[in-house]
Amino acid sequence: MADDRAPDPPFKPEHFVRHDSADDAEFYVQERMVQHIDNAGRGALAAFYAEHLPAGGRILDLMSSWVSHLPADIEFANVAGLGMNRAELEANPRLTEARVHDLNADPRLPYGDGIFDVCLIALSVQYLIRPLEVFAEIARVLAPGGLCIVSFSNRCFPTKAVAIWLELGDAEHAGLVGAYFCHAGGFSEPVGLNLSASGVLGDPLLVVTANKI
């Protein structure tokens, strides 16, 4: 099989260091039932999901928490949540199954090949220290043609975000996520969109999407 990854990833180990390199399990032991984007951003993300997620689809909510931002009027066959805090996952009413799993310690996803139609990473990609391995795993668990949607804003826990994320601005973040798709392999050309509300002061919202090929 041909290798469809972009050549020579432009990343260095120092790009993925963090101010707080302690075990992530310690940081996430305390549940945080907080929103990570404002009302307008949450509404825009739910509307984008409503347009792109198939009713009855099999959804993987990666790096999940107590809210998945899924549209309330669409039912899915299953929504599997994988995150760091058991209490947050159990409080999420949209999840049909939940697993606690630290992707920075082990980027392998505990799922079979090709079993999801969509993978979501909402407002948390900035914390991955092994993103190419995680994105390669996403390609593995998606069905052919399956969609991955990565959304992000300018909020984060700065001590846990990787160095390269903190060095870049919003538009450059979109390019970085696009590079994750390209260098992981197994995806179509990524597409970036700015979903920020025009003319309104508030949190920016950007998404980058790609399909499994």
C-alpha atoms as a PDB file:
ATOM      1  CA  MET A   1       0.000   0.000   0.000  1.00  0.00           C
ATOM      2  CA  ALA A   2       1.326   3.433  -0.916  1.00  0.00           C
ATOM      3  CA  ASP A   3       2.299   5.773   1.904  1.00  0.00           C
ATOM      4  CA  ASP A   4      -0.041   8.782   1.608  1.00  0.00           C
ATOM      5  CA  ARG A   5       1.583  10.826   4.353  1.00  0.00           C
ATOM      6  CA  ALA A   6       3.156  14.167   3.513  1.00  0.00           C
ATOM      7  CA  PRO A   7       6.964  13.832   3.580  1.00  0.00           C
ATOM      8  CA  ASP A   8       9.221  15.026   6.367  1.00  0.00           C
ATOM      9  CA  PRO A   9       6.986  16.272   9.202  1.00  0.00           C
ATOM     10  CA  PRO A  10       8.205  19.768  10.155  1.00  0.00           C
ATOM     11  CA  PHE A  11       7.949  19.094  13.874  1.00  0.00           C
ATOM     12  CA  LYS A  12      10.625  18.907  16.540  1.00  0.00           C
ATOM     13  CA  PRO A  13      10.385  17.459  20.058  1.00  0.00           C
ATOM     14  CA  GLU A  14      10.502  20.940  21.570  1.00  0.00           C
ATOM     15  CA  HIS A  15       7.269  21.827  19.758  1.00  0.00           C
ATOM     16  CA  PHE A  16       5.383  19.494  22.090  1.00  0.00           C
ATOM     17  CA  VAL A  17       6.855  20.350  25.464  1.00  0.00           C
ATOM     18  CA  ARG A  18       4.578  21.943  28.065  1.00  0.00           C
ATOM     19  CA  HIS A  19       5.038  24.188  31.069  1.00  0.00           C
ATOM     20  CA  ASP A  20       3.458  21.457  33.191  1.00  0.00           C
ATOM     21  CA  SER A  21       4.887  18.094  32.176  1.00  0.00           C
ATOM     22  CA  ALA A  22       3.471  16.259  35.190  1.00  0.00           C
ATOM     23  CA  ASP A  23       1.191  13.260  34.697  1.00  0.00           C
ATOM     24  CA  ASP A  24      -2.008  14.454  33.010  1.00  0.00           C
ATOM     25  CA  ALA A  25      -4.038  12.092  35.186  1.00  0.00           C
ATOM     26  CA  GLU A  26      -3.129  14.281  38.165  1.00  0.00           C
ATOM     27  CA  PHE A  27      -4.282  17.461  36.409  1.00  0.00           C
ATOM     28  CA  TYR A  28      -7.613  15.968  35.349  1.00  0.00           C
ATOM     29  CA  VAL A  29      -8.432  14.131  38.582  1.00  0.00           C
ATOM     30  CA  GLN A  30     -10.662  17.070  39.567  1.00  0.00           C
ATOM     31  CA  GLU A  31     -13.716  17.400  37.338  1.00  0.00           C
ATOM     32  CA  ARG A  32     -14.204  20.778  35.643  1.00  0.00           C
ATOM     33  CA  MET A  33     -17.849  21.282  34.689  1.00  0.00           C
ATOM     34  CA  VAL A  34     -17.104  24.498  32.813  1.00  0.00           C
ATOM     35  CA  GLN A  35     -17.676  25.696  29.264  1.00  0.00           C
ATOM     36  CA  HIS A  36     -14.615  26.220  27.088  1.00  0.00           C
ATOM     37  CA  ILE A  37     -16.217  28.618  24.608  1.00  0.00           C
ATOM     38  CA  ASP A  38     -18.944  31.268  24.828  1.00  0.00           C
ATOM     39  CA  ASN A  39     -22.633  30.880  23.944  1.00  0.00           C
ATOM     40  CA  ALA A  40     -22.215  32.083  20.357  1.00  0.00           C
ATOM     41  CA  GLY A  41     -19.364  29.666  19.770  1.00  0.00           C
ATOM     42  CA  ARG A  42     -21.284  26.738  21.231  1.00  0.00           C
ATOM     43  CA  GLY A  43     -24.262  27.544  19.037  1.00  0.00           C
ATOM     44  CA  ALA A  44     -22.095  27.811  15.928  1.00  0.00           C
ATOM     45  CA  LEU A  45     -20.428  24.479  16.655  1.00  0.00           C
ATOM     46  CA  ALA A  46     -23.761  22.717  17.222  1.00  0.00           C
ATOM     47  CA  ALA A  47     -25.084  24.205  13.959  1.00  0.00           C
ATOM     48  CA  PHE A  48     -22.003  22.992  12.082  1.00  0.00           C
ATOM     49  CA  TYR A  49     -22.459  19.524  13.536  1.00  0.00           C
ATOM     50  CA  ALA A  50     -26.141  19.559  12.523  1.00  0.00           C
ATOM     51  CA  GLU A  51     -25.093  20.248   8.937  1.00  0.00           C
ATOM     52  CA  HIS A  52     -22.328  17.654   8.718  1.00  0.00           C
ATOM     53  CA  LEU A  53     -23.117  14.769  11.084  1.00  0.00           C
ATOM     54  CA  PRO A  54     -25.304  11.969   9.693  1.00  0.00           C
ATOM     55  CA  ALA A  55     -28.436  11.066  11.624  1.00  0.00           C
ATOM     56  CA  GLY A  56     -28.036   7.522  12.896  1.00  0.00           C
ATOM     57  CA  GLY A  57     -24.262   7.778  12.537  1.00  0.00           C
ATOM     58  CA  ARG A  58     -21.609   6.242  14.750  1.00  0.00           C
ATOM     59  CA  ILE A  59     -19.799   9.080  16.526  1.00  0.00           C
ATOM     60  CA  LEU A  60     -16.483   9.116  18.398  1.00  0.00           C
ATOM     61  CA  ASP A  61     -16.168  12.117  20.728  1.00  0.00           C
ATOM     62  CA  LEU A  62     -12.435  12.187  21.362  1.00  0.00           C
ATOM     63  CA  MET A  63     -10.993  14.082  24.344  1.00  0.00           C
ATOM     64  CA  SER A  64     -14.574  14.304  25.566  1.00  0.00           C
ATOM     65  CA  SER A  65     -15.986  15.830  28.739  1.00  0.00           C
ATOM     66  CA  TRP A  66     -19.400  16.639  30.217  1.00  0.00           C
ATOM     67  CA  VAL A  67     -20.732  18.270  27.030  1.00  0.00           C
ATOM     68  CA  SER A  68     -20.387  17.196  23.383  1.00  0.00           C
ATOM     69  CA  HIS A  69     -22.054  20.171  21.624  1.00  0.00           C
ATOM     70  CA  LEU A  70     -24.172  17.769  19.551  1.00  0.00           C
ATOM     71  CA  PRO A  71     -27.458  19.117  18.142  1.00  0.00           C
ATOM     72  CA  ALA A  72     -30.332  18.136  20.418  1.00  0.00           C
ATOM     73  CA  ASP A  73     -32.695  17.151  17.592  1.00  0.00           C
ATOM     74  CA  ILE A  74     -30.446  14.570  15.904  1.00  0.00           C
ATOM     75  CA  GLU A  75     -30.196  10.995  17.165  1.00  0.00           C
ATOM     76  CA  PHE A  76     -27.131   8.859  16.548  1.00  0.00           C
ATOM     77  CA  ALA A  77     -26.627   5.102  16.607  1.00  0.00           C
ATOM     78  CA  ASN A  78     -23.996   5.536  19.295  1.00  0.00           C
ATOM     79  CA  VAL A  79     -21.761   8.253  20.707  1.00  0.00           C
ATOM     80  CA  ALA A  80     -18.568   6.896  22.230  1.00  0.00           C
ATOM     81  CA  GLY A  81     -16.759   9.323  24.509  1.00  0.00           C
ATOM     82  CA  LEU A  82     -13.090   9.014  25.381  1.00  0.00           C
ATOM     83  CA  GLY A  83     -11.725  11.474  27.929  1.00  0.00           C
ATOM     84  CA  MET A  84      -9.692  12.007  31.069  1.00  0.00           C
ATOM     85  CA  ASN A  85     -12.258  12.397  33.856  1.00  0.00           C
ATOM     86  CA  ARG A  86     -14.828   9.744  34.737  1.00  0.00           C
ATOM     87  CA  ALA A  87     -17.245  12.144  36.457  1.00  0.00           C
ATOM     88  CA  GLU A  88     -17.298  14.490  33.457  1.00  0.00           C
ATOM     89  CA  LEU A  89     -17.971  11.636  31.049  1.00  0.00           C
ATOM     90  CA  GLU A  90     -20.748  10.225  33.228  1.00  0.00           C
ATOM     91  CA  ALA A  91     -22.379  13.672  33.344  1.00  0.00           C
ATOM     92  CA  ASN A  92     -22.535  13.872  29.528  1.00  0.00           C
ATOM     93  CA  PRO A  93     -26.108  12.963  28.501  1.00  0.00           C
ATOM     94  CA  ARG A  94     -25.222  12.318  24.845  1.00  0.00           C
ATOM     95  CA  LEU A  95     -22.681   9.570  25.409  1.00  0.00           C
ATOM     96  CA  THR A  96     -23.840   5.984  24.983  1.00  0.00           C
ATOM     97  CA  GLU A  97     -20.478   4.671  26.170  1.00  0.00           C
ATOM     98  CA  ALA A  98     -17.480   6.236  27.892  1.00  0.00           C
ATOM     99  CA  ARG A  99     -13.865   5.334  28.541  1.00  0.00           C
ATOM    100  CA  VAL A 100     -11.148   7.074  30.529  1.00  0.00           C
ATOM    101  CA  HIS A 101      -7.970   7.054  28.465  1.00  0.00           C
ATOM    102  CA  ASP A 102      -4.874   9.279  28.382  1.00  0.00           C
ATOM    103  CA  LEU A 103      -3.869   9.822  24.754  1.00  0.00           C
ATOM    104  CA  ASN A 104      -0.624  11.482  25.770  1.00  0.00           C
ATOM    105  CA  ALA A 105       0.422   8.343  27.629  1.00  0.00           C
ATOM    106  CA  ASP A 106      -0.945   5.938  25.000  1.00  0.00           C
ATOM    107  CA  PRO A 107      -2.134   7.325  21.632  1.00  0.00           C
ATOM    108  CA  ARG A 108      -3.663   4.010  20.585  1.00  0.00           C
ATOM    109  CA  LEU A 109      -7.456   4.146  20.491  1.00  0.00           C
ATOM    110  CA  PRO A 110      -9.213   1.229  22.230  1.00  0.00           C
ATOM    111  CA  TYR A 111     -11.545   0.568  19.289  1.00  0.00           C
ATOM    112  CA  GLY A 112     -11.624  -1.678  16.252  1.00  0.00           C
ATOM    113  CA  ASP A 113     -10.866  -0.686  12.682  1.00  0.00           C
ATOM    114  CA  GLY A 114     -13.425   1.284  10.666  1.00  0.00           C
ATOM    115  CA  ILE A 115     -16.205   1.347  13.262  1.00  0.00           C
ATOM    116  CA  PHE A 116     -17.008   5.096  13.360  1.00  0.00           C
ATOM    117  CA  ASP A 117     -18.534   7.432  10.781  1.00  0.00           C
ATOM    118  CA  VAL A 118     -17.359  10.643  12.448  1.00  0.00           C
ATOM    119  CA  CYS A 119     -14.651  11.606  14.930  1.00  0.00           C
ATOM    120  CA  LEU A 120     -14.905  14.880  16.847  1.00  0.00           C
ATOM    121  CA  ILE A 121     -12.143  16.702  18.723  1.00  0.00           C
ATOM    122  CA  ALA A 122     -13.759  19.764  20.271  1.00  0.00           C
ATOM    123  CA  LEU A 123     -11.674  22.512  21.878  1.00  0.00           C
ATOM    124  CA  SER A 124      -8.880  20.218  23.059  1.00  0.00           C
ATOM    125  CA  VAL A 125      -6.456  19.411  20.229  1.00  0.00           C
ATOM    126  CA  GLN A 126      -3.951  21.865  21.748  1.00  0.00           C
ATOM    127  CA  TYR A 127      -3.141  19.384  24.525  1.00  0.00           C
ATOM    128  CA  LEU A 128      -1.887  16.516  22.339  1.00  0.00           C
ATOM    129  CA  ILE A 129       1.838  15.844  22.672  1.00  0.00           C
ATOM    130  CA  ARG A 130       1.775  12.977  20.123  1.00  0.00           C
ATOM    131  CA  PRO A 131      -0.721  14.333  17.579  1.00  0.00           C
ATOM    132  CA  LEU A 132       0.476  12.444  14.506  1.00  0.00           C
ATOM    133  CA  GLU A 133       0.079   9.121  16.283  1.00  0.00           C
ATOM    134  CA  VAL A 134      -3.395  10.089  17.487  1.00  0.00           C
ATOM    135  CA  PHE A 135      -4.498  11.285  14.039  1.00  0.00           C
ATOM    136  CA  ALA A 136      -3.201   8.079  12.452  1.00  0.00           C
ATOM    137  CA  GLU A 137      -5.328   6.168  14.961  1.00  0.00           C
ATOM    138  CA  ILE A 138      -8.352   8.299  14.055  1.00  0.00           C
ATOM    139  CA  ALA A 139      -7.874   7.296  10.420  1.00  0.00           C
ATOM    140  CA  ARG A 140      -7.745   3.654  11.497  1.00  0.00           C
ATOM    141  CA  VAL A 141     -11.022   3.682  13.450  1.00  0.00           C
ATOM    142  CA  LEU A 142     -12.976   5.709  10.863  1.00  0.00           C
ATOM    143  CA  ALA A 143     -14.908   3.929   8.139  1.00  0.00           C
ATOM    144  CA  PRO A 144     -13.873   4.731   4.541  1.00  0.00           C
ATOM    145  CA  GLY A 145     -15.035   8.260   3.786  1.00  0.00           C
ATOM    146  CA  GLY A 146     -15.529   8.939   7.490  1.00  0.00           C
ATOM    147  CA  LEU A 147     -15.228  12.532   8.652  1.00  0.00           C
ATOM    148  CA  CYS A 148     -12.995  14.045  11.328  1.00  0.00           C
ATOM    149  CA  ILE A 149     -13.915  17.505  12.666  1.00  0.00           C
ATOM    150  CA  VAL A 150     -11.403  19.356  14.839  1.00  0.00           C
ATOM    151  CA  SER A 151     -12.676  22.582  16.417  1.00  0.00           C
ATOM    152  CA  PHE A 152     -10.770  25.100  18.512  1.00  0.00           C
ATOM    153  CA  SER A 153     -10.853  28.606  19.912  1.00  0.00           C
ATOM    154  CA  ASN A 154      -8.279  30.753  21.690  1.00  0.00           C
ATOM    155  CA  ARG A 155      -8.987  29.456  25.187  1.00  0.00           C
ATOM    156  CA  CYS A 156      -6.865  26.787  26.832  1.00  0.00           C
ATOM    157  CA  PHE A 157      -5.172  25.665  30.007  1.00  0.00           C
ATOM    158  CA  PRO A 158      -1.834  27.277  29.087  1.00  0.00           C
ATOM    159  CA  THR A 159       0.303  25.095  31.323  1.00  0.00           C
ATOM    160  CA  LYS A 160      -0.978  21.990  29.513  1.00  0.00           C
ATOM    161  CA  ALA A 161      -1.048  23.292  25.921  1.00  0.00           C
ATOM    162  CA  VAL A 162       1.951  22.343  23.791  1.00  0.00           C
ATOM    163  CA  ALA A 163       4.596  24.958  23.025  1.00  0.00           C
ATOM    164  CA  ILE A 164       3.878  25.248  19.310  1.00  0.00           C
ATOM    165  CA  TRP A 165       0.205  25.999  19.998  1.00  0.00           C
ATOM    166  CA  LEU A 166       1.071  28.815  22.388  1.00  0.00           C
ATOM    167  CA  GLU A 167       3.434  30.341  19.822  1.00  0.00           C
ATOM    168  CA  LEU A 168       0.822  30.553  17.038  1.00  0.00           C
ATOM    169  CA  GLY A 169      -2.285  32.627  16.318  1.00  0.00           C
ATOM    170  CA  ASP A 170      -5.753  31.460  15.294  1.00  0.00           C
ATOM    171  CA  ALA A 171      -5.129  31.192  11.534  1.00  0.00           C
ATOM    172  CA  GLU A 172      -1.808  29.464  12.164  1.00  0.00           C
ATOM    173  CA  HIS A 173      -3.563  26.997  14.468  1.00  0.00           C
ATOM    174  CA  ALA A 174      -5.699  25.963  11.495  1.00  0.00           C
ATOM    175  CA  GLY A 175      -2.549  25.348   9.475  1.00  0.00           C
ATOM    176  CA  LEU A 176      -1.077  23.320  12.320  1.00  0.00           C
ATOM    177  CA  VAL A 177      -4.126  21.059  12.576  1.00  0.00           C
ATOM    178  CA  GLY A 178      -4.089  20.689   8.800  1.00  0.00           C
ATOM    179  CA  ALA A 179      -0.463  19.569   9.055  1.00  0.00           C
ATOM    180  CA  TYR A 180      -1.463  16.954  11.631  1.00  0.00           C
ATOM    181  CA  PHE A 181      -3.914  15.470   9.110  1.00  0.00           C
ATOM    182  CA  CYS A 182      -1.420  15.589   6.247  1.00  0.00           C
ATOM    183  CA  HIS A 183       1.530  14.101   8.098  1.00  0.00           C
ATOM    184  CA  ALA A 184      -0.495  11.423   9.908  1.00  0.00           C
ATOM    185  CA  GLY A 185      -1.662  10.032   6.567  1.00  0.00           C
ATOM    186  CA  GLY A 186      -4.929   8.413   5.584  1.00  0.00           C
ATOM    187  CA  PHE A 187      -6.913  11.633   5.098  1.00  0.00           C
ATOM    188  CA  SER A 188      -8.095  13.823   2.249  1.00  0.00           C
ATOM    189  CA  GLU A 189      -6.846  17.381   1.885  1.00  0.00           C
ATOM    190  CA  PRO A 190      -7.940  19.189   5.071  1.00  0.00           C
ATOM    191  CA  VAL A 191     -10.355  22.111   4.865  1.00  0.00           C
ATOM    192  CA  GLY A 192     -10.336  24.979   7.358  1.00  0.00           C
ATOM    193  CA  LEU A 193     -13.325  27.193   8.139  1.00  0.00           C
ATOM    194  CA  ASN A 194     -13.777  30.213  10.387  1.00  0.00           C
ATOM    195  CA  LEU A 195     -17.136  29.939  12.180  1.00  0.00           C
ATOM    196  CA  SER A 196     -16.624  33.012  14.359  1.00  0.00           C
ATOM    197  CA  ALA A 197     -19.626  35.336  14.546  1.00  0.00           C
ATOM    198  CA  SER A 198     -19.074  38.267  12.185  1.00  0.00           C
ATOM    199  CA  GLY A 199     -18.918  41.687  13.817  1.00  0.00           C
ATOM    200  CA  VAL A 200     -19.462  40.288  17.310  1.00  0.00           C
ATOM    201  CA  LEU A 201     -16.958  40.461  20.131  1.00  0.00           C
ATOM    202  CA  GLY A 202     -16.536  36.991  21.524  1.00  0.00           C
ATOM    203  CA  ASP A 203     -14.575  33.777  21.294  1.00  0.00           C
ATOM    204  CA  PRO A 204     -13.281  32.833  17.849  1.00  0.00           C
ATOM    205  CA  LEU A 205     -14.269  29.409  16.538  1.00  0.00           C
ATOM    206  CA  LEU A 206     -12.400  27.597  13.797  1.00  0.00           C
ATOM    207  CA  VAL A 207     -12.745  24.077  12.438  1.00  0.00           C
ATOM    208  CA  VAL A 208     -10.527  21.904  10.287  1.00  0.00           C
ATOM    209  CA  THR A 209     -12.054  18.841   8.649  1.00  0.00           C
ATOM    210  CA  ALA A 210     -10.820  15.929   6.564  1.00  0.00           C
ATOM    211  CA  ASN A 211     -12.208  12.611   5.362  1.00  0.00           C
ATOM    212  CA  LYS A 212     -10.615   9.200   5.616  1.00  0.00           C
ATOM    213  CA  ILE A 213      -9.394   8.010   2.230  1.00  0.00           C
END
